Protein backbone atom coordinates (compact mmCIF):
# COMPACT_ATOMS: atom_id res chain seq x y z
CA ARG A 1 20.97 -107.33 40.88
CA MET A 2 18.88 -104.45 39.68
CA SER A 3 20.47 -101.09 40.44
CA VAL A 4 18.26 -98.41 41.86
CA PRO A 5 18.60 -95.15 39.88
CA PRO A 6 19.55 -92.16 41.99
CA SER A 7 16.69 -89.86 42.87
CA ARG A 8 16.57 -86.67 40.87
CA GLY A 9 15.82 -83.40 42.58
CA CYS A 10 13.32 -80.91 41.26
CA LEU A 11 14.19 -77.33 40.38
CA LEU A 12 11.73 -76.17 43.00
CA ASP A 13 13.67 -78.08 45.67
CA LEU A 14 16.40 -75.43 45.50
CA PRO A 15 16.15 -72.58 48.03
CA TRP A 16 13.79 -70.03 46.52
CA GLU A 17 14.94 -66.80 48.16
CA ASP A 18 18.66 -67.65 48.20
CA ILE A 19 19.07 -69.37 44.82
CA LEU A 20 16.11 -69.32 42.44
CA VAL A 21 14.97 -65.70 42.84
CA PRO A 22 18.35 -63.89 42.86
CA HIS A 23 20.36 -66.22 40.62
CA VAL A 24 17.95 -67.95 38.20
CA LEU A 25 14.69 -66.06 37.69
CA CYS A 26 16.47 -62.70 37.43
CA HIS A 27 17.97 -63.86 34.10
CA LEU A 28 14.61 -64.73 32.52
CA PRO A 29 12.63 -62.20 30.46
CA LEU A 30 9.50 -60.98 32.20
CA GLN A 31 7.29 -62.47 29.49
CA GLN A 32 8.72 -65.94 30.13
CA LEU A 33 8.17 -65.56 33.85
CA LEU A 34 4.52 -64.77 33.24
CA ARG A 35 4.24 -67.97 31.19
CA LEU A 36 6.13 -69.95 33.82
CA GLN A 37 3.62 -69.16 36.53
CA ARG A 38 0.95 -71.01 34.52
CA VAL A 39 2.82 -74.32 34.83
CA SER A 40 1.68 -75.12 38.36
CA LYS A 41 0.65 -73.55 41.64
CA ALA A 42 4.18 -74.01 42.94
CA PHE A 43 5.67 -72.12 40.00
CA GLN A 44 2.98 -69.47 40.40
CA SER A 45 4.06 -68.96 44.02
CA LEU A 46 7.71 -68.83 42.97
CA VAL A 47 7.06 -66.17 40.32
CA GLN A 48 4.97 -64.13 42.76
CA LEU A 49 7.88 -64.22 45.18
CA PHE A 50 10.17 -62.96 42.44
CA LEU A 51 7.75 -60.16 41.49
CA ALA A 52 7.48 -59.11 45.13
CA ASN A 53 11.27 -58.71 45.29
CA MET A 54 11.76 -57.16 41.85
CA ARG A 55 13.76 -53.89 41.95
CA CYS A 56 13.04 -52.78 38.37
CA PHE A 57 9.81 -52.92 36.37
CA ASP A 58 9.88 -51.93 32.69
CA SER A 59 6.57 -52.23 30.84
CA SER A 60 8.33 -52.37 27.45
CA LYS A 61 9.74 -55.79 28.35
CA ILE A 62 6.23 -57.23 28.38
CA GLY A 63 4.70 -55.59 25.34
CA PRO A 64 3.19 -52.35 24.07
CA ALA A 65 -0.09 -52.85 25.92
CA ILE A 66 -0.52 -54.44 29.35
CA PRO A 67 -4.02 -55.23 30.59
CA ARG A 68 -4.85 -53.13 33.64
CA ALA A 69 -5.60 -56.21 35.73
CA ALA A 70 -2.27 -57.78 34.78
CA PHE A 71 -0.28 -54.72 35.86
CA VAL A 72 -2.16 -54.52 39.17
CA ASN A 73 -1.53 -58.23 39.79
CA LEU A 74 2.17 -57.94 38.94
CA MET A 75 2.73 -55.04 41.33
CA LYS A 76 0.39 -55.85 44.19
CA ASP A 77 3.00 -57.32 46.57
CA ASN A 78 6.05 -55.28 45.59
CA GLU A 79 7.39 -52.75 48.09
CA VAL A 80 11.06 -52.66 47.04
CA LEU A 81 11.02 -51.10 43.56
CA HIS A 82 13.93 -48.81 42.72
CA GLN A 83 13.06 -48.21 39.06
CA LEU A 84 9.63 -47.91 37.42
CA VAL A 85 9.43 -47.49 33.64
CA LEU A 86 5.94 -46.98 32.18
CA GLN A 87 6.58 -45.08 28.97
CA ASN A 88 3.75 -44.52 26.48
CA CYS A 89 1.16 -46.39 28.52
CA SER A 90 -1.60 -43.88 27.79
CA ASP A 91 -3.96 -46.61 26.56
CA TRP A 92 -4.43 -48.12 30.01
CA LEU A 93 -2.52 -46.36 32.80
CA THR A 94 -4.54 -44.03 35.04
CA ASP A 95 -4.15 -42.75 38.60
CA ARG A 96 -6.17 -45.73 39.80
CA GLU A 97 -3.48 -48.19 38.71
CA LEU A 98 -0.41 -46.07 39.44
CA LEU A 99 -1.10 -44.51 42.82
CA PRO A 100 -1.17 -47.77 44.84
CA VAL A 101 2.20 -48.78 43.35
CA ILE A 102 3.73 -45.39 44.18
CA GLY A 103 2.21 -45.41 47.65
CA GLN A 104 3.80 -48.70 48.69
CA ASN A 105 7.24 -48.17 47.10
CA HIS A 106 9.19 -45.58 49.07
CA HIS A 107 12.60 -46.59 47.68
CA LEU A 108 11.97 -45.52 44.10
CA GLN A 109 14.93 -43.68 42.60
CA GLN A 110 13.92 -43.55 38.94
CA ILE A 111 10.45 -43.12 37.41
CA GLN A 112 9.66 -42.77 33.71
CA LEU A 113 6.13 -41.75 32.72
CA LYS A 114 6.80 -40.35 29.25
CA GLY A 115 3.61 -40.09 27.22
CA CYS A 116 1.29 -41.33 30.00
CA ALA A 117 -1.46 -38.91 29.09
CA GLN A 118 -4.31 -40.29 31.24
CA LEU A 119 -2.66 -39.53 34.56
CA SER A 120 -3.41 -36.37 36.55
CA ARG A 121 -1.55 -33.96 38.79
CA HIS A 122 -2.38 -36.28 41.70
CA ALA A 123 0.16 -38.77 40.31
CA LEU A 124 2.99 -36.24 40.63
CA VAL A 125 1.87 -35.22 44.11
CA ALA A 126 1.84 -38.89 45.15
CA ILE A 127 5.35 -39.34 43.75
CA SER A 128 6.61 -36.31 45.67
CA LEU A 129 5.11 -37.52 48.95
CA SER A 130 6.12 -41.19 48.65
CA CYS A 131 9.54 -41.08 46.96
CA PRO A 132 11.99 -38.95 48.98
CA ASN A 133 14.99 -40.70 47.37
CA LEU A 134 13.92 -39.95 43.79
CA ARG A 135 16.88 -39.17 41.53
CA ARG A 136 15.51 -39.28 37.95
CA LEU A 137 12.01 -38.43 36.70
CA SER A 138 10.68 -38.31 33.14
CA LEU A 139 7.36 -36.53 32.57
CA ALA A 140 7.84 -35.80 28.87
CA HIS A 141 4.59 -35.10 27.01
CA CYS A 142 2.59 -35.21 30.24
CA GLU A 143 0.51 -32.07 29.80
CA TRP A 144 -1.30 -32.70 33.08
CA VAL A 145 1.80 -31.54 34.99
CA ASP A 146 1.00 -28.12 36.46
CA SER A 147 2.75 -25.59 38.66
CA LEU A 148 1.26 -26.79 41.96
CA SER A 149 2.24 -30.42 41.44
CA LEU A 150 5.75 -29.41 40.34
CA ARG A 151 6.13 -27.30 43.47
CA SER A 152 5.19 -30.35 45.53
CA LEU A 153 7.91 -32.33 43.75
CA ALA A 154 10.45 -29.58 44.48
CA ASP A 155 9.49 -29.43 48.16
CA HIS A 156 9.87 -33.16 48.81
CA CYS A 157 12.37 -34.58 46.28
CA LYS A 158 15.43 -32.43 46.86
CA ALA A 159 17.84 -35.19 45.79
CA LEU A 160 16.52 -34.98 42.22
CA GLU A 161 19.32 -35.07 39.65
CA ALA A 162 17.49 -35.38 36.32
CA VAL A 163 14.04 -34.20 35.24
CA ASP A 164 12.47 -34.30 31.80
CA LEU A 165 9.64 -31.77 31.38
CA THR A 166 9.52 -31.86 27.58
CA ALA A 167 6.19 -30.53 26.29
CA CYS A 168 4.77 -29.96 29.78
CA ARG A 169 3.06 -26.90 28.37
CA GLN A 170 1.26 -25.75 31.53
CA LEU A 171 4.58 -24.86 33.16
CA LYS A 172 5.86 -21.29 33.17
CA ASP A 173 9.04 -19.64 34.41
CA GLU A 174 7.82 -19.26 38.00
CA ALA A 175 7.35 -23.02 38.52
CA ILE A 176 10.69 -23.86 36.88
CA CYS A 177 12.46 -21.27 39.04
CA TYR A 178 10.97 -22.80 42.19
CA LEU A 179 12.16 -26.25 41.14
CA ALA A 180 15.68 -24.95 40.55
CA GLN A 181 15.77 -23.19 43.92
CA LYS A 182 14.74 -26.33 45.81
CA CYS A 183 16.62 -28.95 43.77
CA GLY A 184 20.15 -27.63 43.55
CA LYS A 185 21.61 -31.04 42.70
CA LEU A 186 20.06 -31.13 39.23
CA LYS A 187 22.45 -32.33 36.54
CA SER A 188 20.10 -32.85 33.60
CA VAL A 189 17.02 -30.78 32.72
CA SER A 190 14.79 -30.79 29.65
CA LEU A 191 12.35 -27.92 29.08
CA ALA A 192 12.00 -28.60 25.35
CA VAL A 193 8.92 -27.65 23.33
CA ASN A 194 7.58 -25.19 25.87
CA ALA A 195 6.80 -21.75 24.51
CA ASN A 196 6.16 -20.45 28.04
CA VAL A 197 9.77 -20.97 29.17
CA GLY A 198 11.98 -17.90 28.92
CA ASP A 199 15.17 -16.34 30.22
CA GLY A 200 13.97 -16.23 33.82
CA ALA A 201 13.80 -20.02 34.14
CA VAL A 202 17.13 -20.58 32.39
CA GLU A 203 18.94 -18.00 34.53
CA GLU A 204 17.54 -19.45 37.76
CA ILE A 205 18.61 -22.95 36.76
CA ALA A 206 22.08 -21.61 35.99
CA LYS A 207 22.45 -19.82 39.31
CA CYS A 208 20.92 -22.53 41.54
CA CYS A 209 22.24 -25.70 39.87
CA PRO A 210 26.05 -25.53 39.64
CA GLU A 211 26.25 -29.27 38.91
CA LEU A 212 24.23 -28.90 35.68
CA GLU A 213 25.64 -30.98 32.81
CA HIS A 214 22.81 -31.23 30.25
CA LEU A 215 20.10 -28.70 29.35
CA ASP A 216 17.55 -29.10 26.56
CA LEU A 217 15.82 -25.88 25.45
CA THR A 218 14.76 -27.10 22.01
CA GLY A 219 11.85 -25.01 20.75
CA CYS A 220 11.85 -22.59 23.72
CA LEU A 221 11.19 -19.54 21.56
CA ARG A 222 11.37 -17.00 24.41
CA VAL A 223 14.91 -17.91 25.43
CA LYS A 224 17.45 -15.23 24.41
CA ASN A 225 21.15 -14.54 24.48
CA ASP A 226 21.27 -13.05 27.98
CA SER A 227 20.28 -16.28 29.73
CA ILE A 228 22.75 -18.31 27.66
CA ARG A 229 25.55 -16.00 28.84
CA VAL A 230 24.42 -16.50 32.46
CA LEU A 231 24.45 -20.23 31.83
CA ALA A 232 28.04 -20.03 30.61
CA GLU A 233 29.04 -18.00 33.68
CA TYR A 234 27.44 -20.13 36.40
CA CYS A 235 27.61 -23.70 35.04
CA PRO A 236 31.25 -24.78 34.63
CA LYS A 237 30.28 -28.47 34.36
CA LEU A 238 27.88 -28.00 31.42
CA ARG A 239 28.56 -30.63 28.75
CA SER A 240 25.65 -30.29 26.32
CA LEU A 241 23.11 -27.61 25.41
CA LYS A 242 20.25 -27.99 22.94
CA VAL A 243 18.96 -24.71 21.51
CA LYS A 244 17.61 -25.82 18.15
CA HIS A 245 14.66 -23.63 17.08
CA CYS A 246 15.60 -20.99 19.71
CA HIS A 247 15.70 -18.20 17.12
CA ASN A 248 16.67 -15.49 19.60
CA VAL A 249 19.86 -17.31 20.61
CA ALA A 250 22.82 -16.21 18.47
CA GLU A 251 26.38 -17.35 18.01
CA SER A 252 27.61 -14.39 20.06
CA SER A 253 26.37 -16.10 23.25
CA LEU A 254 27.03 -19.66 22.13
CA SER A 255 30.66 -19.02 21.22
CA ILE A 256 31.68 -18.94 24.89
CA LEU A 257 30.29 -22.43 25.44
CA ARG A 258 31.60 -23.66 22.12
CA GLY A 259 35.07 -22.55 23.15
CA ARG A 260 34.78 -24.66 26.32
CA GLY A 261 33.96 -27.76 24.29
CA VAL A 262 30.25 -27.86 25.21
CA GLU A 263 28.25 -29.97 22.73
CA LEU A 264 25.71 -27.68 21.05
CA ASP A 265 22.60 -28.71 19.16
CA VAL A 266 21.62 -25.75 16.99
CA GLU A 267 20.39 -25.20 13.43
CA PRO A 268 23.00 -25.01 10.69
CA PRO A 269 23.80 -21.37 9.76
CA LEU A 270 21.89 -21.48 6.46
CA GLN A 271 18.72 -22.81 8.06
CA ARG A 272 18.96 -20.20 10.82
CA ALA A 273 19.39 -17.44 8.24
CA LEU A 274 16.29 -18.58 6.35
CA VAL A 275 14.23 -18.56 9.53
CA LEU A 276 15.40 -15.05 10.39
CA LEU A 277 14.56 -13.91 6.87
CA GLN A 278 11.07 -15.33 7.20
CA ASP A 279 10.64 -13.39 10.45
CA VAL A 280 11.72 -10.16 8.77
CA VAL A 281 9.37 -10.46 5.82
CA GLY A 282 6.45 -11.37 8.04
CA PHE A 283 6.06 -15.11 7.53
CA ALA A 284 5.93 -17.40 10.54
CA PRO A 285 8.77 -19.94 10.33
CA PHE A 286 7.84 -23.56 9.83
CA ILE A 287 9.16 -25.56 12.76
CA ASN A 288 9.11 -29.33 12.72
CA LEU A 289 9.72 -30.44 16.30
CA GLN A 290 10.13 -34.16 16.71
CA ILE A 291 10.90 -34.59 20.38
């Protein structure tokens, strides 16, 4: 007698939503998934289902440059994103690509747009209106961020815990103060490389954000000792403070924080002395900020 070999099931015969999407495809790199959808129409449908249920999208896992059409296609059906990472996508990302994604994803808790230079203030307004549960936001080196759009963020995203405004050079003390007043749950704030930020913003953050743990003031030349003392008085949970290149901040104010074990990022004493000497003799200090 000839034995009949047992029939072999196909991978696609497994339940898609219960097995393949949550337990198989989630372990594959995004690049491999994009290749997988070219195998057949069935695999294309499976990958599209996965993309529609994806909670985290990180552009760096695909490559340095994503074609606009590819990004739009990847995100078109997704309404459940919790995390969106689009760092340094200035070559292709504009409001036209981002706004539809923001508009249909109301559960976003973390957004990173560091270095996305082609966006506009409308992107931040859209985020504030569509993402009430936002916890972490990075806008580092986004010089399009202005006071009005930041006020919109403060009005609508009051659960915000971390915000990175490094090199957002349009912002002044007034806008930062408003953010602090509305978002009292802030734990991490970066205002680095902003010559417009002074004592007023730092003092308001200190008084309105008692949960503050990390503050980056690197290169904020207008910040002085008084605001650092206020910070020490009102922020008992502070764990790290960056004041490198803040030439008006002296050890007399930092010593209080140092005594509490706060991690301080400040120039070595010799370098600070040289900078002060240059100020006295009339030469502008050379500052190399690599943020």
